């Protein structure tokens, strides 16, 4: 597959060597962090099922979890046609997802939505506590991202390919972005990812699809990846 150019959002899960303080236990601390930051299945489902009507200049509806308030700049949040917005004011992030996708529980993740037919076509967001204050604390982007893809994303039988890496700053928050493929002898999957550090947390958004469908859905999924933003909490 030829390299794909153009801007896109990225994300990585986590790496025990880069994200945790030296005093943390390498494996048990990671598992504890995941459990602490994720919701119970019923709670997660309930948080995603409250749909508010469009407000002001919204081009679509905004999904707000129970107990959440609308963002202060809700009237300025323009959601693209055929998308909805997931806004989590408690955990400090928001993003857009295709309006015909449905929510589901993805183990170890705070929120997730998937295509109603192609279940491997989905977006998911997770976060863990970190003592880092910026993505730059992970090291140089050109070193940190390949290391994360190889050691965290890829399983032993998968060959990773990174197509492009970029960084972005907005409202004082920094993001690293990349598009990557993981290929095994019998299966390949391509995705965008978005990584950000803020609120004492390391956030990850990944949105992808089966490689066979990637060319058809790439632009649609890029909107999801590009929309990820941190909110102050």
Protein backbone atom coordinates (compact mmCIF):
# COMPACT_ATOMS: atom_id res chain seq x y z
CA UNK A 1 0.00 0.00 0.00
CA UNK A 2 1.39 3.38 -0.93
CA UNK A 3 1.91 6.05 1.66
CA UNK A 4 -1.02 8.37 2.13
CA UNK A 5 -0.40 12.08 2.50
CA UNK A 6 -2.55 14.74 4.09
CA UNK A 7 -3.42 15.84 7.60
CA UNK A 8 -5.10 13.58 10.11
CA UNK A 9 -5.51 13.03 13.84
CA UNK A 10 -3.72 10.44 15.88
CA UNK A 11 -3.62 8.64 19.14
CA UNK A 12 -1.81 6.00 21.03
CA UNK A 13 -2.89 3.86 23.93
CA UNK A 14 -0.07 3.93 26.47
CA UNK A 15 3.41 2.62 27.18
CA UNK A 16 4.56 1.69 30.65
CA UNK A 17 8.03 3.11 29.99
CA UNK A 18 6.78 6.47 28.70
CA UNK A 19 3.61 7.22 30.64
CA UNK A 20 4.07 5.92 34.15
CA UNK A 21 6.26 7.28 36.90
CA UNK A 22 9.17 5.01 37.92
CA UNK A 23 7.47 4.16 41.20
CA UNK A 24 4.53 2.48 39.48
CA UNK A 25 4.37 -1.26 39.02
CA UNK A 26 4.74 -1.89 35.24
CA UNK A 27 1.83 -4.24 34.61
CA UNK A 28 -0.49 -4.12 37.60
CA UNK A 29 -0.54 -0.30 37.63
CA UNK A 30 -1.58 -0.18 33.99
CA UNK A 31 -4.46 -2.57 34.59
CA UNK A 32 -5.55 -0.71 37.70
CA UNK A 33 -5.45 2.60 35.82
CA UNK A 34 -7.63 1.22 33.04
CA UNK A 35 -10.22 -0.11 35.48
CA UNK A 36 -10.23 3.11 37.46
CA UNK A 37 -10.78 5.31 34.42
CA UNK A 38 -13.35 3.19 32.60
CA UNK A 39 -17.06 3.03 33.43
CA UNK A 40 -19.11 -0.03 34.35
CA UNK A 41 -20.97 -1.32 31.24
CA UNK A 42 -24.42 -0.19 32.33
CA UNK A 43 -23.20 3.22 33.37
CA UNK A 44 -21.29 3.66 30.14
CA UNK A 45 -24.32 2.73 28.09
CA UNK A 46 -26.58 5.07 30.03
CA UNK A 47 -24.12 7.95 29.63
CA UNK A 48 -24.35 7.69 25.86
CA UNK A 49 -28.10 7.36 25.41
CA UNK A 50 -29.23 10.89 26.22
CA UNK A 51 -29.60 12.81 22.97
CA UNK A 52 -30.22 16.52 23.07
CA UNK A 53 -31.85 18.49 20.29
CA UNK A 54 -29.79 20.72 18.04
CA UNK A 55 -29.06 24.15 19.43
CA UNK A 56 -28.18 27.40 17.71
CA UNK A 57 -26.04 26.75 14.66
CA UNK A 58 -25.59 23.03 15.36
CA UNK A 59 -25.83 21.06 12.12
CA UNK A 60 -26.60 17.90 14.10
CA UNK A 61 -27.50 16.86 17.64
CA UNK A 62 -25.13 16.71 20.59
CA UNK A 63 -24.86 13.60 22.73
CA UNK A 64 -24.53 14.59 26.37
CA UNK A 65 -24.25 12.07 29.15
CA UNK A 66 -26.62 12.17 32.15
CA UNK A 67 -25.46 14.79 34.63
CA UNK A 68 -23.41 16.60 31.99
CA UNK A 69 -23.98 20.22 31.10
CA UNK A 70 -23.80 21.55 27.59
CA UNK A 71 -20.43 23.06 26.71
CA UNK A 72 -20.18 26.77 27.38
CA UNK A 73 -19.71 27.42 23.69
CA UNK A 74 -22.45 25.00 22.56
CA UNK A 75 -23.85 27.57 20.17
CA UNK A 76 -20.46 27.77 18.47
CA UNK A 77 -19.95 24.01 18.17
CA UNK A 78 -20.81 23.35 14.54
CA UNK A 79 -21.29 19.63 14.00
CA UNK A 80 -20.87 18.48 10.38
CA UNK A 81 -23.87 17.12 8.54
CA UNK A 82 -24.43 13.38 9.13
CA UNK A 83 -22.40 13.45 12.36
CA UNK A 84 -23.23 13.76 16.05
CA UNK A 85 -21.08 15.09 18.87
CA UNK A 86 -20.11 13.19 22.00
CA UNK A 87 -19.30 15.72 24.74
CA UNK A 88 -17.94 14.53 28.08
CA UNK A 89 -17.60 17.54 30.38
CA UNK A 90 -16.74 15.34 33.37
CA UNK A 91 -13.83 13.46 31.79
CA UNK A 92 -12.74 16.39 29.63
CA UNK A 93 -13.04 15.56 25.93
CA UNK A 94 -15.32 15.64 22.90
CA UNK A 95 -15.44 14.36 19.33
CA UNK A 96 -17.78 13.79 16.40
CA UNK A 97 -18.94 10.40 15.12
CA UNK A 98 -21.19 9.31 12.20
CA UNK A 99 -24.84 9.86 13.09
CA UNK A 100 -25.89 6.32 12.13
CA UNK A 101 -23.34 4.64 14.42
CA UNK A 102 -24.46 3.15 17.74
CA UNK A 103 -22.73 3.13 21.12
CA UNK A 104 -21.22 -0.04 22.55
CA UNK A 105 -18.98 -1.10 25.42
CA UNK A 106 -15.33 -1.55 24.48
CA UNK A 107 -13.32 -3.08 27.34
CA UNK A 108 -11.03 -0.58 29.05
CA UNK A 109 -12.45 2.41 27.16
CA UNK A 110 -14.54 5.35 28.34
CA UNK A 111 -16.67 5.73 25.20
CA UNK A 112 -17.08 3.90 21.89
CA UNK A 113 -19.33 3.95 18.80
CA UNK A 114 -19.45 1.56 15.86
CA UNK A 115 -21.02 1.16 12.45
CA UNK A 116 -24.31 -0.75 12.64
CA UNK A 117 -23.25 -3.20 9.94
CA UNK A 118 -19.44 -3.23 9.85
CA UNK A 119 -18.62 -3.63 13.55
CA UNK A 120 -14.85 -3.43 12.95
CA UNK A 121 -15.46 0.13 11.76
CA UNK A 122 -15.52 2.03 15.03
CA UNK A 123 -14.14 4.79 17.24
CA UNK A 124 -13.04 4.39 20.83
CA UNK A 125 -11.57 6.67 23.49
CA UNK A 126 -9.70 5.81 26.65
CA UNK A 127 -7.54 7.64 29.15
CA UNK A 128 -5.23 6.80 32.05
CA UNK A 129 -3.67 8.92 34.78
CA UNK A 130 -0.20 10.24 34.00
CA UNK A 131 2.40 12.44 35.63
CA UNK A 132 3.22 13.86 32.21
CA UNK A 133 2.07 17.39 31.48
CA UNK A 134 2.51 17.38 27.70
CA UNK A 135 2.93 14.92 24.82
CA UNK A 136 6.41 16.38 24.47
CA UNK A 137 7.31 14.63 27.73
CA UNK A 138 7.11 11.38 25.74
CA UNK A 139 10.17 12.38 23.76
CA UNK A 140 10.62 13.41 20.11
CA UNK A 141 7.56 12.60 18.00
CA UNK A 142 9.65 10.80 15.37
CA UNK A 143 10.93 8.41 18.07
CA UNK A 144 7.95 8.09 20.42
CA UNK A 145 5.23 7.28 17.86
CA UNK A 146 7.04 4.43 16.05
CA UNK A 147 7.97 2.98 19.45
CA UNK A 148 4.35 3.11 20.62
CA UNK A 149 2.98 1.58 17.42
CA UNK A 150 5.50 -1.25 17.50
CA UNK A 151 5.39 -2.01 21.23
CA UNK A 152 1.76 -1.16 22.12
CA UNK A 153 -0.43 -1.35 19.03
CA UNK A 154 1.09 -4.22 17.11
CA UNK A 155 0.92 -7.82 18.25
CA UNK A 156 3.88 -10.12 17.55
CA UNK A 157 2.39 -11.40 14.28
CA UNK A 158 1.55 -7.93 12.91
CA UNK A 159 3.68 -5.68 10.76
CA UNK A 160 3.06 -1.97 11.47
CA UNK A 161 3.26 0.76 8.84
CA UNK A 162 3.08 4.46 9.70
CA UNK A 163 2.08 6.70 6.79
CA UNK A 164 2.58 10.15 8.28
CA UNK A 165 3.02 11.91 11.60
CA UNK A 166 1.97 15.44 12.46
CA UNK A 167 1.52 17.66 15.48
CA UNK A 168 -1.08 20.32 16.18
CA UNK A 169 -1.66 22.94 18.84
CA UNK A 170 -5.06 24.46 19.67
CA UNK A 171 -6.22 26.46 22.69
CA UNK A 172 -2.94 25.76 24.47
CA UNK A 173 -3.29 22.00 24.04
CA UNK A 174 -0.96 19.88 21.90
CA UNK A 175 -1.82 16.83 19.79
CA UNK A 176 0.21 14.31 17.83
CA UNK A 177 -1.40 12.66 14.82
CA UNK A 178 -0.70 9.69 12.58
CA UNK A 179 -2.30 7.21 10.22
CA UNK A 180 -1.13 3.62 10.46
CA UNK A 181 -1.82 0.07 9.33
CA UNK A 182 -1.34 -3.20 11.20
CA UNK A 183 -1.02 -6.19 8.90
CA UNK A 184 -0.91 -9.89 9.72
CA UNK A 185 -0.78 -12.85 7.28
CA UNK A 186 -4.59 -13.06 7.27
CA UNK A 187 -5.87 -9.62 8.26
CA UNK A 188 -5.07 -5.91 7.94
CA UNK A 189 -6.59 -2.90 9.66
CA UNK A 190 -5.91 0.80 9.11
CA UNK A 191 -6.70 3.63 11.50
CA UNK A 192 -6.27 7.24 12.51
CA UNK A 193 -5.29 7.96 16.06
CA UNK A 194 -5.21 11.07 18.26
CA UNK A 195 -3.05 11.42 21.35
CA UNK A 196 -3.19 14.24 23.90
CA UNK A 197 -2.11 14.91 27.47
CA UNK A 198 -4.14 17.16 29.78
CA UNK A 199 -6.12 17.22 33.02
CA UNK A 200 -3.53 14.87 34.52
CA UNK A 201 -4.54 12.22 31.98
CA UNK A 202 -3.22 10.62 28.83
CA UNK A 203 -6.04 10.47 26.24
CA UNK A 204 -6.28 8.22 23.20
CA UNK A 205 -8.79 8.22 20.35
CA UNK A 206 -8.56 5.55 17.66
CA UNK A 207 -10.90 5.30 14.69
CA UNK A 208 -10.36 2.68 12.01
CA UNK A 209 -11.70 0.02 9.70
CA UNK A 210 -10.86 -3.17 7.87
CA UNK A 211 -8.19 -2.42 5.26
CA UNK A 212 -10.51 -3.60 2.48
CA UNK A 213 -12.96 -0.80 3.36
CA UNK A 214 -10.39 1.86 4.17
CA UNK A 215 -10.40 3.70 0.84
CA UNK A 216 -14.19 4.01 0.96
CA UNK A 217 -14.42 5.28 4.54
CA UNK A 218 -11.10 7.07 5.07
CA UNK A 219 -12.44 10.60 4.59
CA UNK A 220 -15.42 9.91 6.83
CA UNK A 221 -13.23 8.57 9.62
CA UNK A 222 -10.75 11.41 9.26
CA UNK A 223 -13.50 13.82 10.33
CA UNK A 224 -13.85 11.82 13.54
CA UNK A 225 -10.13 11.86 14.23
CA UNK A 226 -9.75 15.56 13.42
CA UNK A 227 -12.60 16.49 15.76
CA UNK A 228 -11.06 15.18 18.97
CA UNK A 229 -10.47 17.96 21.52
CA UNK A 230 -9.68 18.16 25.21
CA UNK A 231 -11.88 20.18 27.58
CA UNK A 232 -10.70 21.72 30.84
CA UNK A 233 -12.06 19.98 33.93
